[in-house]
Amino acid sequence: SRPTTLDELTRYLGSIFWKAYKAEYPILASLARDILITLASGSRSKQLALVDKFLSTQEKHSKKE
């Protein structure tokens, strides 16, 4: 399906924010990049894989603390 203007604007604004703050929030910036890419692709299987990756990352970080 063709992205709408709002979809493109949302992705664009999200990318600007994370470029500005990726040094301050490297883990969140990485996750945001993955989410923005996945949402742009529209693939349900990729979205589920992203959720799995996010949960795995959270579990690893909680074990380190």
C-alpha atoms as a PDB file:
ATOM      1  CA  SER A   1       0.000   0.000   0.000  1.00  0.00           C
ATOM      2  CA  ARG A   2       1.109   3.565  -0.644  1.00  0.00           C
ATOM      3  CA  PRO A   3       2.179   5.555   2.400  1.00  0.00           C
ATOM      4  CA  THR A   4       0.108   8.596   3.220  1.00  0.00           C
ATOM      5  CA  THR A   5       1.503  12.057   3.810  1.00  0.00           C
ATOM      6  CA  LEU A   6       0.861  11.628   7.525  1.00  0.00           C
ATOM      7  CA  ASP A   7       2.780   8.314   7.542  1.00  0.00           C
ATOM      8  CA  GLU A   8       5.749   9.962   5.864  1.00  0.00           C
ATOM      9  CA  LEU A   9       5.644  12.964   8.200  1.00  0.00           C
ATOM     10  CA  THR A  10       5.503  10.724  11.264  1.00  0.00           C
ATOM     11  CA  ARG A  11       8.507   8.699  10.085  1.00  0.00           C
ATOM     12  CA  TYR A  12      10.414  11.867   9.177  1.00  0.00           C
ATOM     13  CA  LEU A  13       9.831  13.573  12.536  1.00  0.00           C
ATOM     14  CA  GLY A  14      10.731  10.381  14.371  1.00  0.00           C
ATOM     15  CA  SER A  15      13.983  10.079  12.473  1.00  0.00           C
ATOM     16  CA  ILE A  16      14.942  13.708  13.204  1.00  0.00           C
ATOM     17  CA  PHE A  17      14.354  13.222  16.930  1.00  0.00           C
ATOM     18  CA  TRP A  18      16.406  10.043  17.142  1.00  0.00           C
ATOM     19  CA  LYS A  19      19.264  11.479  15.096  1.00  0.00           C
ATOM     20  CA  ALA A  20      19.444  14.322  17.608  1.00  0.00           C
ATOM     21  CA  TYR A  21      19.298  12.089  20.692  1.00  0.00           C
ATOM     22  CA  LYS A  22      20.960   8.839  19.601  1.00  0.00           C
ATOM     23  CA  ALA A  23      24.132   9.621  21.588  1.00  0.00           C
ATOM     24  CA  GLU A  24      22.122  10.327  24.737  1.00  0.00           C
ATOM     25  CA  TYR A  25      19.783   7.322  24.358  1.00  0.00           C
ATOM     26  CA  PRO A  26      21.674   4.746  22.248  1.00  0.00           C
ATOM     27  CA  ILE A  27      19.552   1.707  23.151  1.00  0.00           C
ATOM     28  CA  LEU A  28      16.237   3.488  22.657  1.00  0.00           C
ATOM     29  CA  ALA A  29      17.504   5.056  19.430  1.00  0.00           C
ATOM     30  CA  SER A  30      18.403   1.623  18.085  1.00  0.00           C
ATOM     31  CA  LEU A  31      14.983   0.254  18.984  1.00  0.00           C
ATOM     32  CA  ALA A  32      13.267   3.306  17.490  1.00  0.00           C
ATOM     33  CA  ARG A  33      15.198   2.860  14.250  1.00  0.00           C
ATOM     34  CA  ASP A  34      14.085  -0.767  14.060  1.00  0.00           C
ATOM     35  CA  ILE A  35      10.489   0.198  14.805  1.00  0.00           C
ATOM     36  CA  LEU A  36      10.421   2.981  12.212  1.00  0.00           C
ATOM     37  CA  ILE A  37      11.894   0.688   9.561  1.00  0.00           C
ATOM     38  CA  THR A  38       9.474  -2.108  10.432  1.00  0.00           C
ATOM     39  CA  LEU A  39       6.441   0.160  10.415  1.00  0.00           C
ATOM     40  CA  ALA A  40       7.477   1.505   7.037  1.00  0.00           C
ATOM     41  CA  SER A  41       7.696  -2.016   5.626  1.00  0.00           C
ATOM     42  CA  GLY A  42       4.231  -2.946   6.904  1.00  0.00           C
ATOM     43  CA  SER A  43       5.153  -6.617   7.274  1.00  0.00           C
ATOM     44  CA  ARG A  44       3.300  -8.316  10.130  1.00  0.00           C
ATOM     45  CA  SER A  45       5.999 -10.973  10.572  1.00  0.00           C
ATOM     46  CA  LYS A  46       8.664  -8.260  10.850  1.00  0.00           C
ATOM     47  CA  GLN A  47       6.560  -6.438  13.428  1.00  0.00           C
ATOM     48  CA  LEU A  48       6.287  -9.608  15.523  1.00  0.00           C
ATOM     49  CA  ALA A  49      10.023 -10.214  15.205  1.00  0.00           C
ATOM     50  CA  LEU A  50      10.623  -6.670  16.414  1.00  0.00           C
ATOM     51  CA  VAL A  51       8.472  -7.218  19.494  1.00  0.00           C
ATOM     52  CA  ASP A  52      10.429 -10.399  20.224  1.00  0.00           C
ATOM     53  CA  LYS A  53      13.730  -8.524  19.843  1.00  0.00           C
ATOM     54  CA  PHE A  54      12.525  -5.745  22.130  1.00  0.00           C
ATOM     55  CA  LEU A  55      11.465  -8.195  24.839  1.00  0.00           C
ATOM     56  CA  SER A  56      14.755 -10.079  24.571  1.00  0.00           C
ATOM     57  CA  THR A  57      16.705  -6.832  24.879  1.00  0.00           C
ATOM     58  CA  GLN A  58      14.711  -5.802  27.929  1.00  0.00           C
ATOM     59  CA  GLU A  59      15.327  -9.167  29.558  1.00  0.00           C
ATOM     60  CA  LYS A  60      19.090  -8.948  28.932  1.00  0.00           C
ATOM     61  CA  HIS A  61      19.305  -5.437  30.355  1.00  0.00           C
ATOM     62  CA  SER A  62      17.274  -6.301  33.448  1.00  0.00           C
ATOM     63  CA  LYS A  63      19.643  -9.201  34.188  1.00  0.00           C
ATOM     64  CA  LYS A  64      22.654  -6.845  34.021  1.00  0.00           C
ATOM     65  CA  GLU A  65      21.210  -4.547  36.696  1.00  0.00           C
END
